[in-house]
Amino acid sequence: MIDHVLVDRHAAVQIIRMNRPDKKNAITRAMYGAMAAALTEADSDPSIRASVFLGVPGAFSSGNDLADFLAVAQGGEGGTEVFDFLMALARSQKPILSGVDGIAVGIGTTLNLHCDLTFATPRTVFRTPFVELGLVPEAGSSLLAPAILGRQQAFALLAFGEGFSAEKAKETGLIYAVVDESELEQTVLKAAEEIAAKPPEALRIARDLMRGDRSELIARIKEEGTHFAARLKSDEARAAFMAFMARKSAG
């Protein structure tokens, strides 16, 4: 089976690449598990100074794999892989960067709220159709997005379901910079290398000061998760998933 998450090293930078192009990088439970393991490894390995998330051309991530969602909605169990990944993001001790190109849906958007620097291409659109699917925000986004974007822009993104262009994402503070597709990965890796070369203890303290106490974030992720799990098994969500799958099959 093709590895849907590729983990590589570039000097002191760990590269975590979502690699499921045929499904536009829809993230499965196994992919979440692999990414959680990579972030945990980065924290425990002093030779890793920064991690970078990348996707494939045209697709950072289309969000959670809907087959996994549907299985839970129909009475299955969800496992701990998603929660493990979100905890690894929230607790990360090393800088995290991302390079986003094209589709960035759901976790493909909210993951970047945890990143220290995000670069995106002009064709990127950030979108979180949680409410449309009968769900609620996840990954601590209900806490992080209002703090970063302001309450009304956060509502537009997380509840109204507005798609944010790369330029709007930069204006609102969701991302750091917009760069051409041909320069995206080179730009992200160059920034990661520069960060990795800085005095690590001073960098850790500075980052921790800016991020603040993480207990509130961790508590919010757990609270969101409780609502999310309940909503997955709701009639609203089941109907929304089935309608989405029907439209997808018809298209």
C-alpha atoms as a PDB file:
ATOM      1  CA  MET A   1       0.000   0.000   0.000  1.00  0.00           C
ATOM      2  CA  ILE A   2       1.240   3.501  -0.838  1.00  0.00           C
ATOM      3  CA  ASP A   3       2.204   5.501   2.241  1.00  0.00           C
ATOM      4  CA  HIS A   4      -0.388   8.215   2.642  1.00  0.00           C
ATOM      5  CA  VAL A   5       1.888  10.135   5.004  1.00  0.00           C
ATOM      6  CA  LEU A   6       5.537  10.557   4.066  1.00  0.00           C
ATOM      7  CA  VAL A   7       7.903  11.617   6.838  1.00  0.00           C
ATOM      8  CA  ASP A   8      11.342  12.817   5.789  1.00  0.00           C
ATOM      9  CA  ARG A   9      14.234  14.825   7.164  1.00  0.00           C
ATOM     10  CA  HIS A  10      15.946  17.830   5.661  1.00  0.00           C
ATOM     11  CA  ALA A  11      18.844  18.509   8.045  1.00  0.00           C
ATOM     12  CA  ALA A  12      17.162  19.570  11.326  1.00  0.00           C
ATOM     13  CA  VAL A  13      13.720  19.944   9.716  1.00  0.00           C
ATOM     14  CA  GLN A  14      11.164  17.148   9.739  1.00  0.00           C
ATOM     15  CA  ILE A  15       8.833  17.125   6.735  1.00  0.00           C
ATOM     16  CA  ILE A  16       5.381  15.586   7.151  1.00  0.00           C
ATOM     17  CA  ARG A  17       3.713  15.248   3.765  1.00  0.00           C
ATOM     18  CA  MET A  18       0.121  14.152   3.271  1.00  0.00           C
ATOM     19  CA  ASN A  19       0.271  11.963   0.181  1.00  0.00           C
ATOM     20  CA  ARG A  20      -3.155  10.765  -0.896  1.00  0.00           C
ATOM     21  CA  PRO A  21      -3.634  12.724  -4.127  1.00  0.00           C
ATOM     22  CA  ASP A  22      -6.377  10.486  -5.532  1.00  0.00           C
ATOM     23  CA  LYS A  23      -8.581  11.516  -2.572  1.00  0.00           C
ATOM     24  CA  LYS A  24      -7.312  15.127  -2.423  1.00  0.00           C
ATOM     25  CA  ASN A  25      -5.536  14.264   0.824  1.00  0.00           C
ATOM     26  CA  ALA A  26      -8.670  13.306   2.738  1.00  0.00           C
ATOM     27  CA  ILE A  27      -7.219  12.211   6.076  1.00  0.00           C
ATOM     28  CA  THR A  28      -7.903   8.708   7.369  1.00  0.00           C
ATOM     29  CA  ARG A  29      -7.461   7.476  10.931  1.00  0.00           C
ATOM     30  CA  ALA A  30      -4.197   5.798   9.907  1.00  0.00           C
ATOM     31  CA  MET A  31      -2.918   9.106   8.506  1.00  0.00           C
ATOM     32  CA  TYR A  32      -3.787  10.899  11.736  1.00  0.00           C
ATOM     33  CA  GLY A  33      -1.904   8.229  13.660  1.00  0.00           C
ATOM     34  CA  ALA A  34       1.179   8.601  11.479  1.00  0.00           C
ATOM     35  CA  MET A  35       1.196  12.397  11.808  1.00  0.00           C
ATOM     36  CA  ALA A  36       0.707  12.215  15.574  1.00  0.00           C
ATOM     37  CA  ALA A  37       3.674   9.840  15.806  1.00  0.00           C
ATOM     38  CA  ALA A  38       5.819  12.207  13.720  1.00  0.00           C
ATOM     39  CA  LEU A  39       5.042  15.202  15.954  1.00  0.00           C
ATOM     40  CA  THR A  40       5.720  13.147  19.077  1.00  0.00           C
ATOM     41  CA  GLU A  41       9.031  12.011  17.598  1.00  0.00           C
ATOM     42  CA  ALA A  42       9.967  15.614  16.837  1.00  0.00           C
ATOM     43  CA  ASP A  43       9.428  16.618  20.464  1.00  0.00           C
ATOM     44  CA  SER A  44      11.560  13.749  21.777  1.00  0.00           C
ATOM     45  CA  ASP A  45      14.406  14.025  19.240  1.00  0.00           C
ATOM     46  CA  PRO A  46      16.803  16.940  19.930  1.00  0.00           C
ATOM     47  CA  SER A  47      18.164  16.721  16.392  1.00  0.00           C
ATOM     48  CA  ILE A  48      14.762  17.807  15.038  1.00  0.00           C
ATOM     49  CA  ARG A  49      14.349  21.561  15.463  1.00  0.00           C
ATOM     50  CA  ALA A  50      11.173  22.178  13.426  1.00  0.00           C
ATOM     51  CA  SER A  51       8.418  20.324  11.565  1.00  0.00           C
ATOM     52  CA  VAL A  52       6.776  21.249   8.257  1.00  0.00           C
ATOM     53  CA  PHE A  53       3.384  20.067   6.975  1.00  0.00           C
ATOM     54  CA  LEU A  54       2.973  19.807   3.212  1.00  0.00           C
ATOM     55  CA  GLY A  55       0.388  18.349   0.850  1.00  0.00           C
ATOM     56  CA  VAL A  56       0.412  17.572  -2.853  1.00  0.00           C
ATOM     57  CA  PRO A  57       0.024  20.045  -5.739  1.00  0.00           C
ATOM     58  CA  GLY A  58      -3.475  21.473  -5.624  1.00  0.00           C
ATOM     59  CA  ALA A  59      -4.482  19.775  -2.381  1.00  0.00           C
ATOM     60  CA  PHE A  60      -3.205  20.416   1.117  1.00  0.00           C
ATOM     61  CA  SER A  61      -6.142  18.455   2.529  1.00  0.00           C
ATOM     62  CA  SER A  62      -9.826  18.054   1.740  1.00  0.00           C
ATOM     63  CA  GLY A  63     -10.458  17.302   5.417  1.00  0.00           C
ATOM     64  CA  ASN A  64     -11.452  14.164   7.234  1.00  0.00           C
ATOM     65  CA  ASP A  65     -12.142  11.051   5.204  1.00  0.00           C
ATOM     66  CA  LEU A  66     -15.941  10.968   4.970  1.00  0.00           C
ATOM     67  CA  ALA A  67     -15.974   7.167   4.910  1.00  0.00           C
ATOM     68  CA  ASP A  68     -14.544   7.258   8.434  1.00  0.00           C
ATOM     69  CA  PHE A  69     -17.173   9.830   9.426  1.00  0.00           C
ATOM     70  CA  LEU A  70     -19.966   7.749   7.928  1.00  0.00           C
ATOM     71  CA  ALA A  71     -18.790   4.614   9.717  1.00  0.00           C
ATOM     72  CA  VAL A  72     -19.004   6.417  13.070  1.00  0.00           C
ATOM     73  CA  ALA A  73     -22.350   7.975  12.142  1.00  0.00           C
ATOM     74  CA  GLN A  74     -23.692   4.488  11.459  1.00  0.00           C
ATOM     75  CA  GLY A  75     -22.710   3.271  14.914  1.00  0.00           C
ATOM     76  CA  GLY A  76     -19.018   2.402  14.619  1.00  0.00           C
ATOM     77  CA  GLU A  77     -16.216   3.524  16.899  1.00  0.00           C
ATOM     78  CA  GLY A  78     -13.898   6.378  15.990  1.00  0.00           C
ATOM     79  CA  GLY A  79     -10.641   5.290  17.627  1.00  0.00           C
ATOM     80  CA  THR A  80      -8.144   7.667  19.241  1.00  0.00           C
ATOM     81  CA  GLU A  81      -6.006   8.629  16.255  1.00  0.00           C
ATOM     82  CA  VAL A  82      -7.657  12.010  15.640  1.00  0.00           C
ATOM     83  CA  PHE A  83      -7.497  12.933  19.328  1.00  0.00           C
ATOM     84  CA  ASP A  84      -3.847  11.826  19.509  1.00  0.00           C
ATOM     85  CA  PHE A  85      -2.997  14.088  16.582  1.00  0.00           C
ATOM     86  CA  LEU A  86      -4.809  17.089  18.027  1.00  0.00           C
ATOM     87  CA  MET A  87      -3.078  16.610  21.366  1.00  0.00           C
ATOM     88  CA  ALA A  88       0.295  16.365  19.625  1.00  0.00           C
ATOM     89  CA  LEU A  89      -0.445  19.666  17.856  1.00  0.00           C
ATOM     90  CA  ALA A  90      -1.560  21.404  21.031  1.00  0.00           C
ATOM     91  CA  ARG A  91       1.399  20.148  23.077  1.00  0.00           C
ATOM     92  CA  SER A  92       4.117  20.539  20.449  1.00  0.00           C
ATOM     93  CA  GLN A  93       7.419  21.804  21.830  1.00  0.00           C
ATOM     94  CA  LYS A  94       9.059  22.539  18.471  1.00  0.00           C
ATOM     95  CA  PRO A  95       8.037  25.123  15.842  1.00  0.00           C
ATOM     96  CA  ILE A  96       5.549  23.938  13.223  1.00  0.00           C
ATOM     97  CA  LEU A  97       5.261  25.422   9.742  1.00  0.00           C
ATOM     98  CA  SER A  98       2.975  24.595   6.836  1.00  0.00           C
ATOM     99  CA  GLY A  99       2.893  25.073   3.098  1.00  0.00           C
ATOM    100  CA  VAL A 100      -0.659  25.076   1.742  1.00  0.00           C
ATOM    101  CA  ASP A 101      -1.593  24.793  -1.925  1.00  0.00           C
ATOM    102  CA  GLY A 102      -5.121  24.569  -3.260  1.00  0.00           C
ATOM    103  CA  ILE A 103      -7.747  22.715  -1.246  1.00  0.00           C
ATOM    104  CA  ALA A 104      -7.678  23.333   2.513  1.00  0.00           C
ATOM    105  CA  VAL A 105     -10.927  22.057   4.017  1.00  0.00           C
ATOM    106  CA  GLY A 106     -11.803  21.312   7.646  1.00  0.00           C
ATOM    107  CA  ILE A 107      -8.680  20.103   9.422  1.00  0.00           C
ATOM    108  CA  GLY A 108      -6.842  21.296   6.307  1.00  0.00           C
ATOM    109  CA  THR A 109      -7.690  24.779   7.583  1.00  0.00           C
ATOM    110  CA  THR A 110      -7.749  24.349  11.362  1.00  0.00           C
ATOM    111  CA  LEU A 111      -4.358  22.606  11.468  1.00  0.00           C
ATOM    112  CA  ASN A 112      -2.815  25.914  10.406  1.00  0.00           C
ATOM    113  CA  LEU A 113      -4.155  27.689  13.489  1.00  0.00           C
ATOM    114  CA  HIS A 114      -1.563  25.663  15.426  1.00  0.00           C
ATOM    115  CA  CYS A 115       1.292  26.532  13.063  1.00  0.00           C
ATOM    116  CA  ASP A 116       3.870  29.196  13.833  1.00  0.00           C
ATOM    117  CA  LEU A 117       4.185  30.150  10.160  1.00  0.00           C
ATOM    118  CA  THR A 118       1.888  29.187   7.280  1.00  0.00           C
ATOM    119  CA  PHE A 119       2.612  29.984   3.640  1.00  0.00           C
ATOM    120  CA  ALA A 120      -0.125  29.538   1.019  1.00  0.00           C
ATOM    121  CA  THR A 121      -0.420  29.875  -2.736  1.00  0.00           C
ATOM    122  CA  PRO A 122      -2.797  32.327  -4.475  1.00  0.00           C
ATOM    123  CA  ARG A 123      -5.121  29.501  -5.562  1.00  0.00           C
ATOM    124  CA  THR A 124      -5.622  28.261  -2.002  1.00  0.00           C
ATOM    125  CA  VAL A 125      -9.053  28.484  -0.375  1.00  0.00           C
ATOM    126  CA  PHE A 126      -9.520  27.808   3.332  1.00  0.00           C
ATOM    127  CA  ARG A 127     -12.951  26.444   4.255  1.00  0.00           C
ATOM    128  CA  THR A 128     -14.537  24.707   7.232  1.00  0.00           C
ATOM    129  CA  PRO A 129     -17.992  23.277   6.383  1.00  0.00           C
ATOM    130  CA  PHE A 130     -18.539  21.870   9.869  1.00  0.00           C
ATOM    131  CA  VAL A 131     -22.040  23.233  10.438  1.00  0.00           C
ATOM    132  CA  GLU A 132     -23.101  22.319   6.890  1.00  0.00           C
ATOM    133  CA  LEU A 133     -22.323  18.705   7.786  1.00  0.00           C
ATOM    134  CA  GLY A 134     -24.200  18.928  11.073  1.00  0.00           C
ATOM    135  CA  LEU A 135     -20.941  19.094  13.014  1.00  0.00           C
ATOM    136  CA  VAL A 136     -19.065  21.599  15.174  1.00  0.00           C
ATOM    137  CA  PRO A 137     -15.564  23.150  14.977  1.00  0.00           C
ATOM    138  CA  GLU A 138     -12.625  20.970  16.016  1.00  0.00           C
ATOM    139  CA  ALA A 139      -8.869  21.132  16.741  1.00  0.00           C
ATOM    140  CA  GLY A 140      -9.387  23.920  19.258  1.00  0.00           C
ATOM    141  CA  SER A 141     -10.488  26.202  16.425  1.00  0.00           C
ATOM    142  CA  SER A 142     -13.426  27.597  18.415  1.00  0.00           C
ATOM    143  CA  LEU A 143     -10.824  29.035  20.820  1.00  0.00           C
ATOM    144  CA  LEU A 144      -7.936  29.796  18.462  1.00  0.00           C
ATOM    145  CA  ALA A 145      -9.833  31.347  15.542  1.00  0.00           C
ATOM    146  CA  PRO A 146     -11.595  34.119  17.534  1.00  0.00           C
ATOM    147  CA  ALA A 147      -8.285  34.937  19.250  1.00  0.00           C
ATOM    148  CA  ILE A 148      -6.410  35.147  15.943  1.00  0.00           C
ATOM    149  CA  LEU A 149      -9.042  36.422  13.504  1.00  0.00           C
ATOM    150  CA  GLY A 150     -11.517  38.235  15.755  1.00  0.00           C
ATOM    151  CA  ARG A 151     -14.957  36.878  16.620  1.00  0.00           C
ATOM    152  CA  GLN A 152     -16.830  37.917  13.466  1.00  0.00           C
ATOM    153  CA  GLN A 153     -14.218  36.640  11.023  1.00  0.00           C
ATOM    154  CA  ALA A 154     -14.008  33.428  13.063  1.00  0.00           C
ATOM    155  CA  PHE A 155     -17.796  33.060  12.840  1.00  0.00           C
ATOM    156  CA  ALA A 156     -17.649  33.616   9.079  1.00  0.00           C
ATOM    157  CA  LEU A 157     -15.042  30.878   8.746  1.00  0.00           C
ATOM    158  CA  LEU A 158     -16.266  28.305  11.259  1.00  0.00           C
ATOM    159  CA  ALA A 159     -20.065  28.709  11.331  1.00  0.00           C
ATOM    160  CA  PHE A 160     -21.125  30.660   8.228  1.00  0.00           C
ATOM    161  CA  GLY A 161     -18.821  28.469   6.161  1.00  0.00           C
ATOM    162  CA  GLU A 162     -17.277  31.252   4.087  1.00  0.00           C
ATOM    163  CA  GLY A 163     -14.274  30.262   2.048  1.00  0.00           C
ATOM    164  CA  PHE A 164     -11.252  32.434   2.762  1.00  0.00           C
ATOM    165  CA  SER A 165      -8.943  33.182  -0.151  1.00  0.00           C
ATOM    166  CA  ALA A 166      -5.224  33.166   0.532  1.00  0.00           C
ATOM    167  CA  GLU A 167      -5.225  36.968   0.520  1.00  0.00           C
ATOM    168  CA  LYS A 168      -8.090  37.173   3.005  1.00  0.00           C
ATOM    169  CA  ALA A 169      -6.400  34.526   5.154  1.00  0.00           C
ATOM    170  CA  LYS A 170      -3.291  36.697   5.248  1.00  0.00           C
ATOM    171  CA  GLU A 171      -5.261  39.871   6.009  1.00  0.00           C
ATOM    172  CA  THR A 172      -7.046  38.206   8.937  1.00  0.00           C
ATOM    173  CA  GLY A 173      -3.902  36.609  10.361  1.00  0.00           C
ATOM    174  CA  LEU A 174      -4.783  33.008   9.568  1.00  0.00           C
ATOM    175  CA  ILE A 175      -1.584  32.667   7.523  1.00  0.00           C
ATOM    176  CA  TYR A 176       1.773  34.425   7.334  1.00  0.00           C
ATOM    177  CA  ALA A 177       2.388  34.925   3.608  1.00  0.00           C
ATOM    178  CA  VAL A 178       1.150  34.225   0.090  1.00  0.00           C
ATOM    179  CA  VAL A 179       3.740  32.813  -2.328  1.00  0.00           C
ATOM    180  CA  ASP A 180       3.656  31.458  -5.876  1.00  0.00           C
ATOM    181  CA  GLU A 181       3.015  27.756  -6.369  1.00  0.00           C
ATOM    182  CA  SER A 182       6.462  27.241  -7.877  1.00  0.00           C
ATOM    183  CA  GLU A 183       8.122  28.746  -4.799  1.00  0.00           C
ATOM    184  CA  LEU A 184       5.962  27.336  -2.009  1.00  0.00           C
ATOM    185  CA  GLU A 185       7.975  24.404  -0.763  1.00  0.00           C
ATOM    186  CA  GLN A 186      11.319  26.127  -1.235  1.00  0.00           C
ATOM    187  CA  THR A 187      10.072  29.128   0.747  1.00  0.00           C
ATOM    188  CA  VAL A 188       8.636  27.040   3.586  1.00  0.00           C
ATOM    189  CA  LEU A 189      11.757  24.892   3.912  1.00  0.00           C
ATOM    190  CA  LYS A 190      14.033  27.945   3.852  1.00  0.00           C
ATOM    191  CA  ALA A 191      12.049  29.517   6.695  1.00  0.00           C
ATOM    192  CA  ALA A 192      12.114  26.232   8.621  1.00  0.00           C
ATOM    193  CA  GLU A 193      15.871  25.940   8.200  1.00  0.00           C
ATOM    194  CA  GLU A 194      16.374  29.486   9.467  1.00  0.00           C
ATOM    195  CA  ILE A 195      14.192  28.750  12.485  1.00  0.00           C
ATOM    196  CA  ALA A 196      16.004  25.466  13.116  1.00  0.00           C
ATOM    197  CA  ALA A 197      19.329  27.331  13.190  1.00  0.00           C
ATOM    198  CA  LYS A 198      18.275  29.625  16.042  1.00  0.00           C
ATOM    199  CA  PRO A 199      19.299  28.924  19.681  1.00  0.00           C
ATOM    200  CA  PRO A 200      16.790  26.205  20.579  1.00  0.00           C
ATOM    201  CA  GLU A 201      16.204  27.009  24.237  1.00  0.00           C
ATOM    202  CA  ALA A 202      15.673  30.714  23.625  1.00  0.00           C
ATOM    203  CA  LEU A 203      13.332  29.831  20.763  1.00  0.00           C
ATOM    204  CA  ARG A 204      11.381  27.386  22.922  1.00  0.00           C
ATOM    205  CA  ILE A 205      10.877  29.962  25.665  1.00  0.00           C
ATOM    206  CA  ALA A 206       9.857  32.684  23.210  1.00  0.00           C
ATOM    207  CA  ARG A 207       7.377  30.339  21.532  1.00  0.00           C
ATOM    208  CA  ASP A 208       5.917  29.188  24.849  1.00  0.00           C
ATOM    209  CA  LEU A 209       5.462  32.800  25.951  1.00  0.00           C
ATOM    210  CA  MET A 210       3.543  33.590  22.774  1.00  0.00           C
ATOM    211  CA  ARG A 211       1.422  30.452  22.917  1.00  0.00           C
ATOM    212  CA  GLY A 212       0.631  30.840  26.613  1.00  0.00           C
ATOM    213  CA  ASP A 213      -0.807  28.241  28.947  1.00  0.00           C
ATOM    214  CA  ARG A 214      -1.982  25.320  26.833  1.00  0.00           C
ATOM    215  CA  SER A 215      -4.378  23.881  29.402  1.00  0.00           C
ATOM    216  CA  GLU A 216      -7.261  25.993  28.073  1.00  0.00           C
ATOM    217  CA  LEU A 217      -6.561  24.863  24.508  1.00  0.00           C
ATOM    218  CA  ILE A 218      -6.387  21.208  25.548  1.00  0.00           C
ATOM    219  CA  ALA A 219      -9.629  21.557  27.506  1.00  0.00           C
ATOM    220  CA  ARG A 220     -11.339  23.171  24.497  1.00  0.00           C
ATOM    221  CA  ILE A 221     -10.173  20.390  22.158  1.00  0.00           C
ATOM    222  CA  LYS A 222     -11.688  17.855  24.554  1.00  0.00           C
ATOM    223  CA  GLU A 223     -14.930  19.840  24.825  1.00  0.00           C
ATOM    224  CA  GLU A 224     -15.193  20.165  21.048  1.00  0.00           C
ATOM    225  CA  GLY A 225     -14.458  16.446  20.735  1.00  0.00           C
ATOM    226  CA  THR A 226     -17.348  15.537  23.033  1.00  0.00           C
ATOM    227  CA  HIS A 227     -19.764  17.612  20.941  1.00  0.00           C
ATOM    228  CA  PHE A 228     -18.227  16.373  17.673  1.00  0.00           C
ATOM    229  CA  ALA A 229     -18.612  12.708  18.634  1.00  0.00           C
ATOM    230  CA  ALA A 230     -22.239  13.256  19.609  1.00  0.00           C
ATOM    231  CA  ARG A 231     -22.968  15.207  16.438  1.00  0.00           C
ATOM    232  CA  LEU A 232     -21.441  12.473  14.262  1.00  0.00           C
ATOM    233  CA  LYS A 233     -24.200  10.133  15.416  1.00  0.00           C
ATOM    234  CA  SER A 234     -26.956  12.727  15.102  1.00  0.00           C
ATOM    235  CA  ASP A 235     -29.743  12.575  12.531  1.00  0.00           C
ATOM    236  CA  GLU A 236     -28.606  15.955  11.181  1.00  0.00           C
ATOM    237  CA  ALA A 237     -25.088  14.767  10.472  1.00  0.00           C
ATOM    238  CA  ARG A 238     -26.196  11.417   9.064  1.00  0.00           C
ATOM    239  CA  ALA A 239     -28.539  13.149   6.623  1.00  0.00           C
ATOM    240  CA  ALA A 240     -25.871  15.688   5.652  1.00  0.00           C
ATOM    241  CA  PHE A 241     -23.288  12.951   5.001  1.00  0.00           C
ATOM    242  CA  MET A 242     -25.686  10.892   2.920  1.00  0.00           C
ATOM    243  CA  ALA A 243     -26.687  13.953   0.887  1.00  0.00           C
ATOM    244  CA  PHE A 244     -23.037  14.836   0.318  1.00  0.00           C
ATOM    245  CA  MET A 245     -22.169  11.293  -0.764  1.00  0.00           C
ATOM    246  CA  ALA A 246     -25.193  11.234  -3.116  1.00  0.00           C
ATOM    247  CA  ARG A 247     -24.125  14.519  -4.716  1.00  0.00           C
ATOM    248  CA  LYS A 248     -20.587  13.192  -5.033  1.00  0.00           C
ATOM    249  CA  SER A 249     -21.774   9.990  -6.726  1.00  0.00           C
ATOM    250  CA  ALA A 250     -24.071  11.926  -9.071  1.00  0.00           C
ATOM    251  CA  GLY A 251     -21.259  14.325  -9.984  1.00  0.00           C
END
